[in-house]
Amino acid sequence: MRRIAILAEGQFHWQGAKTAVGMIRYGHDQIVAVLDSTKAGQDVSEVLGNGVGAGIPIVRNVGESLDYHPDTLLIGIAPIGGRLPPAWRTQVTQALNSGLSIISGLHEFLDDDPELHALAERAHVQIWDVRRPPAERSMLIAKYTPHRPGSHTVYIGGSDSNVGKMTTSLELDREAQRRGLSSGFAATGQTGIMVSGRGVPVDRLISDFTAGGVEALTLEFTQQYDWTFVEGQGSLLHPAYSPVTLALLHGAMPDLLILCHEAGRDHIKSYNVPIPPLPRVVEIYEQAMAWLRPAPVVGIALNTYPLDEASALEEIRRAEADTRLPVTDCVRFGAGKLIDALLEHAKTPEKG
C-alpha cells in the first residue's frame, strides 16, 4: 500500500479535481495529504463534505506534505490538453528529490522528460505514466469476438463528460459484490486505472485500435467475472470526445447500458451544444449500439450533487416519468435500483 500525497493546486473540489476525489473515495492506497495552497490548513472533509476524506490534511506544497511521510506524489488534476503546467514542475522535482515516486495521468509522459527521468533514477523511485497504453493492447483491431456465455457486460455511458460515469461504474461493482455476484470494474480512464491498478487508457490509443484495445480488456474481464462494468468516457453527443465513446461502445460489445446524466445540465460543458431530453439520449445510445447488436438502456444514474435531498428526489421522479426507466443517484441513494434492473433484464432479455 502506497502513502500518497495528491497534487491538486488551486482546483481541489468535486468537479475540478476528479482524479484526486476518485482516489480519496475509491482508491486502496492511503492518502496522507492533499496539496492545494488555496485551501491549506483545512481538512479534506471540510471541502468535499459528507465526511469524505475526514482526517486528511490539505497542505501548501510538497515540503509540508513530507511531515506526513508520503512515498508517492500523485497528480490529481487532469488539465485540458494534458500537459504538466510549468508551475507544477517545481513540486514534481521536489518530490523526486525527496525520494517520492510519481503517479501521473497526464497525456504528457513525465518519464520521457530527460530531467525528471534522471531524477527518478538517481532517487531509485518510479514514474508511472498511467496513460501510457500497455504495449500488448496498443495496436489491436477489434474482431467482434463473442463474450463467454453466461457473462454480462454493462457499458456506463453519459450525456456529457464529467457526469459520473466512473463513479457509477464503481458503485455498481461495489453493490454487485455486496450481493455476492461475481463482478469486475473495467477501467478505461486514468483515474479508474489508478483505483483498480489495471485497464486501458482509451484516449491514448490510436483511433483504429481503440475498439480493439477495449475488446481485449472486456474479454479478459468476461472470462474472469459474470458481470463486467465497463467505464465509459466522453459522450456520443460531445463534439470533441464522441469518437472515443463510439469506439468504447463497439469494442465493449455490451449486453446492457446504464446512462449517466447530471441533473439540470442542459448543454455540453464548455460548448454551445444542447443536450437533448433524456429519452432522446437513451435512443441515441441504443441506436449506436444496435448497428452491431441490441443493447438496451435499463436505468439512469442521475448525478444530483448540487441539490438538496428533496430536490434530488424530485429530479429522480421526473427522470423516471420521462424515461420510464429506474433512476437513482448511486452515491446518495445507492446503486441497488440499477442492479435490480440489470438482473431483471439479464433474466428476461426479451425486454430489450
Protein backbone atom coordinates (compact mmCIF):
# COMPACT_ATOMS: atom_id res chain seq x y z
CA MET A 1 0.00 0.00 0.00
CA ARG A 2 1.36 3.38 -1.03
CA ARG A 3 1.32 6.51 1.13
CA ILE A 4 0.14 9.14 -1.34
CA ALA A 5 0.20 12.93 -1.35
CA ILE A 6 -2.10 14.33 -4.05
CA LEU A 7 -1.25 17.47 -6.02
CA ALA A 8 -4.45 19.43 -6.72
CA GLU A 9 -3.18 23.01 -6.68
CA GLY A 10 -5.94 25.60 -6.98
CA GLN A 11 -8.58 23.11 -8.08
CA PHE A 12 -9.37 20.87 -5.15
CA HIS A 13 -13.15 20.50 -5.28
CA TRP A 14 -15.65 17.93 -6.55
CA GLN A 15 -15.57 18.95 -10.21
CA GLY A 16 -12.09 20.44 -10.53
CA ALA A 17 -10.03 17.51 -9.27
CA LYS A 18 -11.81 14.34 -10.37
CA THR A 19 -8.68 12.23 -10.09
CA ALA A 20 -7.95 13.43 -6.57
CA VAL A 21 -11.53 12.90 -5.43
CA GLY A 22 -11.74 9.50 -7.12
CA MET A 23 -8.61 8.28 -5.37
CA ILE A 24 -9.78 9.59 -1.98
CA ARG A 25 -13.17 7.90 -2.31
CA TYR A 26 -12.28 4.65 -4.05
CA GLY A 27 -8.52 4.11 -4.01
CA HIS A 28 -6.91 1.33 -1.98
CA ASP A 29 -3.81 3.32 -1.04
CA GLN A 30 -3.50 5.58 1.99
CA ILE A 31 -3.92 9.26 1.15
CA VAL A 32 -1.81 11.22 3.66
CA ALA A 33 -2.21 14.78 2.33
CA VAL A 34 -3.65 16.94 -0.45
CA LEU A 35 -1.59 19.82 -1.87
CA ASP A 36 -3.57 22.99 -2.60
CA SER A 37 -2.19 26.27 -1.26
CA THR A 38 -5.59 27.98 -1.68
CA LYS A 39 -7.17 25.63 0.88
CA ALA A 40 -4.17 24.86 3.10
CA GLY A 41 -4.98 24.29 6.76
CA GLN A 42 -8.35 22.69 6.08
CA ASP A 43 -9.33 19.04 6.33
CA VAL A 44 -10.36 17.34 3.08
CA SER A 45 -13.82 16.64 4.51
CA GLU A 46 -14.35 20.38 5.02
CA VAL A 47 -14.02 20.87 1.26
CA LEU A 48 -15.77 17.74 -0.02
CA GLY A 49 -18.40 17.38 2.71
CA ASN A 50 -20.31 14.26 3.80
CA GLY A 51 -17.30 13.06 5.77
CA VAL A 52 -15.35 12.22 2.60
CA GLY A 53 -11.62 12.32 3.32
CA ALA A 54 -12.01 13.03 7.02
CA GLY A 55 -8.63 13.30 8.70
CA ILE A 56 -6.66 14.07 5.52
CA PRO A 57 -4.91 17.45 5.81
CA ILE A 58 -4.61 19.98 2.99
CA VAL A 59 -1.12 21.48 2.82
CA ARG A 60 0.63 24.12 0.75
CA ASN A 61 3.31 22.16 -1.05
CA VAL A 62 5.46 19.04 -1.23
CA GLY A 63 7.69 20.29 1.55
CA GLU A 64 4.78 20.47 4.01
CA SER A 65 3.45 17.09 2.85
CA LEU A 66 6.71 15.42 3.93
CA ASP A 67 5.61 15.80 7.55
CA TYR A 68 3.05 13.06 6.79
CA HIS A 69 5.64 10.66 5.32
CA PRO A 70 4.34 10.07 1.79
CA ASP A 71 6.22 7.77 -0.55
CA THR A 72 4.35 8.88 -3.69
CA LEU A 73 3.13 12.14 -5.26
CA LEU A 74 0.02 11.68 -7.41
CA ILE A 75 -1.06 14.38 -9.84
CA GLY A 76 -4.73 14.72 -9.01
CA ILE A 77 -5.86 17.07 -11.77
CA ALA A 78 -6.32 16.47 -15.49
CA PRO A 79 -5.86 19.88 -17.15
CA ILE A 80 -7.22 20.42 -20.66
CA GLY A 81 -4.53 19.34 -23.09
CA GLY A 82 -2.99 17.00 -20.53
CA ARG A 83 0.36 18.78 -20.13
CA LEU A 84 2.24 19.48 -16.90
CA PRO A 85 1.67 23.15 -16.02
CA PRO A 86 5.03 24.91 -15.59
CA ALA A 87 4.09 25.94 -12.03
CA TRP A 88 3.76 22.26 -11.03
CA ARG A 89 7.20 21.24 -12.28
CA THR A 90 8.86 22.55 -9.13
CA GLN A 91 6.57 20.38 -7.00
CA VAL A 92 7.33 17.30 -9.07
CA THR A 93 11.10 17.86 -9.00
CA GLN A 94 10.99 18.48 -5.24
CA ALA A 95 9.04 15.24 -4.78
CA LEU A 96 11.60 13.28 -6.78
CA ASN A 97 14.48 14.89 -4.91
CA SER A 98 12.73 13.87 -1.67
CA GLY A 99 12.56 10.24 -2.76
CA LEU A 100 8.89 10.14 -3.77
CA SER A 101 7.64 8.14 -6.73
CA ILE A 102 5.29 9.92 -9.15
CA ILE A 103 1.90 8.80 -10.48
CA SER A 104 0.71 10.90 -13.41
CA GLY A 105 -2.40 10.63 -15.54
CA LEU A 106 -1.31 13.43 -17.87
CA HIS A 107 -1.12 12.98 -21.64
CA GLU A 108 2.45 14.28 -21.42
CA PHE A 109 4.54 11.34 -20.23
CA LEU A 110 6.75 12.56 -17.40
CA ASP A 111 9.08 9.59 -17.60
CA ASP A 112 10.00 10.72 -21.13
CA ASP A 113 11.27 14.03 -19.74
CA PRO A 114 15.08 13.59 -19.52
CA GLU A 115 15.46 15.69 -16.37
CA LEU A 116 12.61 14.03 -14.47
CA HIS A 117 13.67 10.55 -15.60
CA ALA A 118 17.22 11.21 -14.38
CA LEU A 119 15.96 12.46 -11.02
CA ALA A 120 13.82 9.33 -10.60
CA GLU A 121 16.75 7.05 -11.45
CA ARG A 122 19.01 8.91 -9.03
CA ALA A 123 16.44 8.54 -6.23
CA HIS A 124 15.66 4.90 -7.15
CA VAL A 125 11.95 5.69 -7.50
CA GLN A 126 9.44 5.23 -10.30
CA ILE A 127 7.38 7.49 -12.52
CA TRP A 128 4.15 5.75 -13.53
CA ASP A 129 2.59 7.40 -16.59
CA VAL A 130 -0.86 5.88 -16.25
CA ARG A 131 -1.96 6.94 -19.72
CA ARG A 132 0.85 5.03 -21.44
CA PRO A 133 -1.05 2.19 -23.17
CA PRO A 134 0.03 -1.38 -22.41
CA ALA A 135 2.12 -2.48 -25.38
CA GLU A 136 0.15 -5.70 -25.83
CA ARG A 137 -3.11 -3.75 -26.26
CA SER A 138 -1.94 -0.68 -28.12
CA MET A 139 -2.31 -1.94 -31.71
CA LEU A 140 -5.22 -4.39 -31.81
CA ILE A 141 -8.04 -4.43 -34.33
CA ALA A 142 -11.45 -5.35 -32.89
CA LYS A 143 -12.57 -8.78 -34.10
CA TYR A 144 -16.17 -8.80 -32.83
CA THR A 145 -15.33 -11.78 -30.61
CA PRO A 146 -18.30 -13.21 -28.66
CA HIS A 147 -18.13 -12.95 -24.88
CA ARG A 148 -18.20 -16.00 -22.61
CA PRO A 149 -21.74 -17.45 -22.42
CA GLY A 150 -23.29 -16.59 -19.06
CA SER A 151 -21.29 -13.39 -18.68
CA HIS A 152 -22.93 -9.96 -18.77
CA THR A 153 -21.21 -6.79 -19.97
CA VAL A 154 -22.61 -3.40 -18.94
CA TYR A 155 -21.41 -0.17 -20.53
CA ILE A 156 -21.84 3.00 -18.47
CA GLY A 157 -22.40 5.88 -20.88
CA GLY A 158 -23.16 9.55 -20.37
CA SER A 159 -24.96 12.59 -21.71
CA ASP A 160 -21.68 14.54 -21.33
CA SER A 161 -18.19 14.31 -19.89
CA ASN A 162 -17.81 14.72 -16.14
CA VAL A 163 -21.26 13.46 -15.15
CA GLY A 164 -20.23 10.48 -13.00
CA LYS A 165 -19.52 7.52 -15.30
CA MET A 166 -16.52 6.23 -13.33
CA THR A 167 -18.29 6.76 -10.00
CA THR A 168 -21.37 4.93 -11.25
CA SER A 169 -19.25 2.05 -12.58
CA LEU A 170 -17.50 1.65 -9.22
CA GLU A 171 -20.74 1.93 -7.24
CA LEU A 172 -22.39 -0.71 -9.44
CA ASP A 173 -19.41 -3.01 -8.97
CA ARG A 174 -19.49 -2.45 -5.18
CA GLU A 175 -23.20 -3.21 -4.96
CA ALA A 176 -22.87 -6.30 -7.15
CA GLN A 177 -20.08 -7.64 -4.96
CA ARG A 178 -22.04 -6.79 -1.82
CA ARG A 179 -24.77 -9.08 -3.15
CA GLY A 180 -22.28 -11.86 -3.72
CA LEU A 181 -22.20 -11.52 -7.51
CA SER A 182 -19.03 -12.16 -9.49
CA SER A 183 -18.22 -8.70 -10.86
CA GLY A 184 -15.34 -6.51 -12.04
CA PHE A 185 -14.70 -2.88 -12.95
CA ALA A 186 -13.00 -2.46 -16.33
CA ALA A 187 -11.20 0.89 -16.18
CA THR A 188 -10.73 2.93 -19.35
CA GLY A 189 -9.55 6.27 -17.93
CA GLN A 190 -6.56 7.38 -15.89
CA THR A 191 -8.36 7.69 -12.55
CA GLY A 192 -10.10 4.34 -12.89
CA ILE A 193 -6.77 2.69 -13.72
CA MET A 194 -5.18 4.29 -10.65
CA VAL A 195 -8.01 2.99 -8.48
CA SER A 196 -8.11 -0.54 -9.88
CA GLY A 197 -4.47 -0.99 -10.85
CA ARG A 198 -5.26 -2.14 -14.39
CA GLY A 199 -7.14 -1.09 -17.50
CA VAL A 200 -6.71 0.55 -20.89
CA PRO A 201 -6.35 4.35 -21.28
CA VAL A 202 -8.57 4.61 -24.33
CA ASP A 203 -7.91 8.28 -25.04
CA ARG A 204 -4.24 7.43 -25.74
CA LEU A 205 -4.92 4.66 -28.25
CA ILE A 206 -4.70 5.32 -31.98
CA SER A 207 -8.26 5.59 -33.29
CA ASP A 208 -8.01 2.44 -35.45
CA PHE A 209 -7.00 0.42 -32.37
CA THR A 210 -9.29 1.87 -29.68
CA ALA A 211 -12.10 -0.65 -30.12
CA GLY A 212 -9.56 -3.49 -30.27
CA GLY A 213 -7.90 -2.45 -27.02
CA VAL A 214 -11.29 -2.20 -25.31
CA GLU A 215 -12.36 -5.56 -26.74
CA ALA A 216 -9.24 -7.23 -25.32
CA LEU A 217 -9.83 -5.68 -21.88
CA THR A 218 -13.51 -6.66 -21.89
CA LEU A 219 -12.80 -10.22 -22.96
CA GLU A 220 -10.28 -10.59 -20.13
CA PHE A 221 -12.91 -9.46 -17.63
CA THR A 222 -15.75 -11.56 -19.06
CA GLN A 223 -13.58 -14.65 -18.74
CA GLN A 224 -12.99 -13.81 -15.07
CA TYR A 225 -16.33 -12.33 -13.95
CA ASP A 226 -20.04 -12.91 -14.56
CA TRP A 227 -20.68 -9.15 -14.52
CA THR A 228 -18.31 -6.64 -16.14
CA PHE A 229 -18.89 -2.91 -15.70
CA VAL A 230 -17.06 -1.01 -18.45
CA GLU A 231 -16.22 2.56 -17.53
CA GLY A 232 -17.47 4.97 -20.19
CA GLN A 233 -15.66 8.05 -21.46
CA GLY A 234 -16.95 11.24 -23.05
CA SER A 235 -20.36 11.13 -24.72
CA LEU A 236 -21.81 10.33 -28.11
CA LEU A 237 -23.08 13.92 -28.04
CA HIS A 238 -19.69 15.50 -27.32
CA PRO A 239 -18.16 17.45 -30.24
CA ALA A 240 -14.60 16.61 -29.12
CA TYR A 241 -14.81 13.20 -27.46
CA SER A 242 -17.56 11.34 -29.35
CA PRO A 243 -15.07 9.19 -31.32
CA VAL A 244 -13.69 7.74 -28.08
CA THR A 245 -17.21 6.97 -26.86
CA LEU A 246 -18.26 5.17 -30.03
CA ALA A 247 -15.08 3.08 -30.11
CA LEU A 248 -15.65 2.15 -26.46
CA LEU A 249 -19.23 1.11 -27.14
CA HIS A 250 -18.35 -1.07 -30.11
CA GLY A 251 -15.23 -2.52 -28.50
CA ALA A 252 -17.01 -3.43 -25.26
CA MET A 253 -19.95 -5.04 -27.09
CA PRO A 254 -22.21 -4.62 -24.04
CA ASP A 255 -25.36 -6.58 -23.36
CA LEU A 256 -26.89 -3.73 -21.35
CA LEU A 257 -26.36 0.01 -20.89
CA ILE A 258 -26.62 2.40 -17.94
CA LEU A 259 -26.84 6.11 -18.79
CA CYS A 260 -25.37 8.86 -16.56
CA HIS A 261 -26.64 12.43 -16.52
CA GLU A 262 -26.20 15.44 -14.26
CA ALA A 263 -29.49 16.91 -13.08
CA GLY A 264 -30.04 20.34 -14.59
CA ARG A 265 -27.22 20.17 -17.15
CA ASP A 266 -28.75 21.14 -20.49
CA HIS A 267 -25.61 21.84 -22.57
CA ILE A 268 -22.33 20.03 -23.16
CA LYS A 269 -19.91 21.56 -20.69
CA SER A 270 -17.87 24.41 -22.25
CA TYR A 271 -19.68 24.02 -25.61
CA ASN A 272 -22.78 25.61 -27.08
CA VAL A 273 -24.24 22.18 -27.80
CA PRO A 274 -27.62 21.39 -26.23
CA ILE A 275 -28.18 18.05 -24.52
CA PRO A 276 -31.46 16.57 -25.82
CA PRO A 277 -34.15 15.35 -23.42
CA LEU A 278 -33.16 12.14 -21.66
CA PRO A 279 -35.46 9.87 -23.73
CA ARG A 280 -33.68 11.06 -26.87
CA VAL A 281 -30.22 10.48 -25.29
CA VAL A 282 -31.34 6.93 -24.42
CA GLU A 283 -32.45 6.45 -28.03
CA ILE A 284 -29.12 7.75 -29.40
CA TYR A 285 -27.11 5.24 -27.34
CA GLU A 286 -29.39 2.35 -28.19
CA GLN A 287 -29.30 3.19 -31.90
CA ALA A 288 -25.49 3.47 -31.97
CA MET A 289 -25.17 0.09 -30.28
CA ALA A 290 -27.85 -1.51 -32.44
CA TRP A 291 -25.66 -1.09 -35.51
CA LEU A 292 -23.86 -4.16 -34.16
CA ARG A 293 -26.26 -5.74 -31.67
CA PRO A 294 -29.20 -4.71 -29.46
CA ALA A 295 -28.25 -3.40 -26.01
CA PRO A 296 -30.98 -1.54 -24.12
CA VAL A 297 -30.50 1.25 -21.61
CA VAL A 298 -32.02 -0.29 -18.48
CA GLY A 299 -31.53 2.53 -15.97
CA ILE A 300 -30.35 6.09 -15.37
CA ALA A 301 -27.70 7.18 -12.87
CA LEU A 302 -28.61 10.78 -12.08
CA ASN A 303 -25.89 12.96 -10.58
CA THR A 304 -27.66 15.27 -8.12
CA TYR A 305 -24.65 16.55 -6.15
CA PRO A 306 -25.56 20.29 -6.33
CA LEU A 307 -29.11 19.70 -4.98
CA ASP A 308 -30.57 19.20 -1.54
CA GLU A 309 -32.16 15.82 -0.90
CA ALA A 310 -35.74 16.88 -1.55
CA SER A 311 -34.81 18.48 -4.88
CA ALA A 312 -32.72 15.42 -5.79
CA LEU A 313 -35.66 13.09 -5.19
CA GLU A 314 -37.90 15.33 -7.29
CA GLU A 315 -35.40 15.25 -10.18
CA ILE A 316 -35.23 11.46 -9.91
CA ARG A 317 -39.03 11.18 -10.05
CA ARG A 318 -39.11 13.49 -13.08
CA ALA A 319 -36.46 11.49 -14.91
CA GLU A 320 -38.30 8.24 -14.17
CA ALA A 321 -41.52 9.69 -15.55
CA ASP A 322 -39.74 10.98 -18.68
CA THR A 323 -37.80 7.80 -19.48
CA ARG A 324 -39.98 5.10 -17.87
CA LEU A 325 -36.75 3.66 -16.51
CA PRO A 326 -35.47 3.19 -12.95
CA VAL A 327 -33.43 6.22 -11.85
CA THR A 328 -31.24 6.84 -8.82
CA ASP A 329 -28.24 8.79 -7.61
CA CYS A 330 -25.82 5.94 -6.84
CA VAL A 331 -23.78 7.97 -4.36
CA ARG A 332 -26.70 9.43 -2.46
CA PHE A 333 -29.16 6.56 -2.52
CA GLY A 334 -27.12 3.53 -3.54
CA ALA A 335 -26.92 1.53 -6.75
CA GLY A 336 -29.43 -1.13 -5.69
CA LYS A 337 -32.19 0.04 -8.02
CA LEU A 338 -29.90 -0.22 -11.03
CA ILE A 339 -28.52 -3.64 -10.07
CA ASP A 340 -32.12 -4.84 -9.72
CA ALA A 341 -32.85 -3.60 -13.24
CA LEU A 342 -29.74 -5.25 -14.66
CA LEU A 343 -30.57 -8.57 -13.02
CA GLU A 344 -34.14 -8.41 -14.27
CA HIS A 345 -33.04 -7.76 -17.88
CA ALA A 346 -30.44 -10.50 -17.67
CA LYS A 347 -33.22 -12.96 -16.74
CA THR A 348 -35.63 -11.70 -19.40
CA PRO A 349 -33.60 -10.47 -22.39
CA GLU A 350 -36.73 -10.19 -24.49
CA LYS A 351 -37.45 -6.93 -22.64
CA GLY A 352 -34.60 -5.33 -24.60
